[in-house]
Amino acid sequence: QPRLVESGGGLVQAGGSLRLSCAASGMLFSSRIMAWYRQAPGKQRELVARIGSSGFTEHADSVKGRFTISRDNAKNTVYLEMISLKPEDTAAYYCAAARFSLPPDYWGQGTQVTVSS
């Protein structure tokens, strides 16, 4: 059974940094498209970044230059490095996996990121 488990969320001041991790199991991780989404209260869930099996990455315009998605296939883990955090980055962050293309087939349970001003 595929499973995604996020970690690394928390409370940070504006301008600070966090690194989210997502450990995958029950799937052929190296072949999956992996992605990070986020959902703020009262807003729709949005795609933050994705990384293909080849390592190709895409980031939302709102996070370009501040967030970086990466993967370690040996550890079955995808990361989201976040710097220069802003209060508007506050949201629940979800890891997701897709077999062929987005939208994802599998979701993690989410990890909360709160950025105080």
Protein backbone atom coordinates (compact mmCIF):
# COMPACT_ATOMS: atom_id res chain seq x y z
CA GLN A 1 0.00 0.00 0.00
CA PRO A 2 1.54 3.32 -1.06
CA ARG A 3 2.23 5.66 1.79
CA LEU A 4 3.62 9.19 2.06
CA VAL A 5 4.68 10.66 5.40
CA GLU A 6 5.62 14.32 5.69
CA SER A 7 7.73 15.88 8.41
CA GLY A 8 9.56 19.12 9.11
CA GLY A 9 6.72 21.59 9.47
CA GLY A 10 6.50 24.05 12.32
CA LEU A 11 6.37 27.65 13.43
CA VAL A 12 8.97 30.04 12.06
CA GLN A 13 9.39 33.80 11.91
CA ALA A 14 9.17 35.67 8.63
CA GLY A 15 12.49 35.45 6.82
CA GLY A 16 13.26 32.09 8.35
CA SER A 17 13.77 28.69 6.76
CA LEU A 18 12.34 25.19 6.97
CA ARG A 19 12.95 21.93 5.19
CA LEU A 20 10.06 19.58 4.63
CA SER A 21 10.66 15.90 4.03
CA CYS A 22 8.37 13.24 2.64
CA ALA A 23 9.20 9.57 3.01
CA ALA A 24 7.56 7.28 0.51
CA SER A 25 6.90 3.56 0.77
CA GLY A 26 4.91 0.93 -1.07
CA MET A 27 5.70 2.37 -4.50
CA LEU A 28 8.45 2.47 -7.08
CA PHE A 29 9.57 5.88 -5.88
CA SER A 30 12.21 6.59 -8.52
CA SER A 31 9.66 6.42 -11.32
CA ARG A 32 7.09 8.67 -9.70
CA ILE A 33 6.44 12.32 -10.26
CA MET A 34 6.61 13.84 -6.78
CA ALA A 35 5.02 17.11 -5.78
CA TRP A 36 4.34 19.45 -2.90
CA TYR A 37 0.97 21.18 -2.57
CA ARG A 38 -0.27 23.57 0.05
CA GLN A 39 -3.64 24.70 1.32
CA ALA A 40 -4.22 27.78 3.41
CA PRO A 41 -7.44 28.23 5.42
CA GLY A 42 -10.31 29.22 3.16
CA LYS A 43 -8.26 28.72 0.00
CA GLN A 44 -7.97 26.00 -2.62
CA ARG A 45 -5.11 23.57 -2.55
CA GLU A 46 -2.34 24.76 -4.88
CA LEU A 47 0.68 23.14 -6.48
CA VAL A 48 3.90 24.48 -5.00
CA ALA A 49 6.52 22.42 -6.84
CA ARG A 50 7.00 19.15 -8.65
CA ILE A 51 9.92 16.99 -9.67
CA GLY A 52 9.93 14.32 -12.33
CA SER A 53 11.69 11.00 -12.36
CA SER A 54 14.46 12.60 -14.41
CA GLY A 55 14.94 15.34 -11.84
CA PHE A 56 13.23 18.03 -13.89
CA THR A 57 11.64 20.56 -11.54
CA GLU A 58 8.95 23.20 -11.70
CA HIS A 59 8.06 25.73 -9.03
CA ALA A 60 5.06 28.01 -8.66
CA ASP A 61 5.79 31.65 -9.43
CA SER A 62 4.94 32.60 -5.85
CA VAL A 63 7.82 30.51 -4.49
CA LYS A 64 10.45 30.73 -7.24
CA GLY A 65 13.82 31.67 -5.86
CA ARG A 66 12.73 30.81 -2.32
CA PHE A 67 11.63 27.16 -2.41
CA THR A 68 13.51 24.24 -3.93
CA ILE A 69 12.16 20.74 -4.47
CA SER A 70 14.60 17.84 -4.62
CA ARG A 71 14.57 14.07 -4.31
CA ASP A 72 16.82 11.31 -3.04
CA ASN A 73 15.84 8.08 -4.76
CA ALA A 74 18.15 6.05 -2.55
CA LYS A 75 16.16 7.21 0.47
CA ASN A 76 12.73 7.27 -1.21
CA THR A 77 12.40 10.82 0.01
CA VAL A 78 11.40 14.13 -1.53
CA TYR A 79 12.30 17.45 0.07
CA LEU A 80 11.08 21.02 -0.03
CA GLU A 81 13.69 23.51 1.08
CA MET A 82 12.03 26.81 1.99
CA ILE A 83 13.92 30.04 2.66
CA SER A 84 12.87 33.66 3.10
CA LEU A 85 9.51 32.49 4.37
CA LYS A 86 6.61 34.92 4.36
CA PRO A 87 3.39 34.96 6.39
CA GLU A 88 1.49 34.16 3.20
CA ASP A 89 3.36 30.84 3.03
CA THR A 90 1.38 29.70 6.06
CA ALA A 91 -0.54 26.58 5.06
CA ALA A 92 -0.80 22.86 5.41
CA TYR A 93 1.77 21.34 3.07
CA TYR A 94 1.03 18.02 1.39
CA CYS A 95 3.35 15.61 -0.35
CA ALA A 96 1.92 13.83 -3.37
CA ALA A 97 2.92 11.19 -5.89
CA ALA A 98 1.76 10.50 -9.42
CA ARG A 99 2.43 7.52 -11.65
CA PHE A 100 2.23 9.28 -15.00
CA SER A 101 1.11 12.88 -14.57
CA LEU A 102 -0.57 15.23 -12.13
CA PRO A 103 -3.09 15.29 -10.49
CA PRO A 104 -1.56 12.92 -7.97
CA ASP A 105 -2.62 9.37 -7.23
CA TYR A 106 -1.44 9.42 -3.64
CA TRP A 107 -1.34 12.03 -0.88
CA GLY A 108 0.36 12.38 2.46
CA GLN A 109 -1.47 13.51 5.57
CA GLY A 110 0.05 16.99 5.52
CA THR A 111 2.33 19.02 7.75
CA GLN A 112 1.56 22.51 9.03
CA VAL A 113 3.82 25.45 8.28
CA THR A 114 3.10 28.67 10.14
CA VAL A 115 5.08 31.83 9.43
CA SER A 116 4.70 34.63 11.94
CA SER A 117 5.22 38.27 11.02
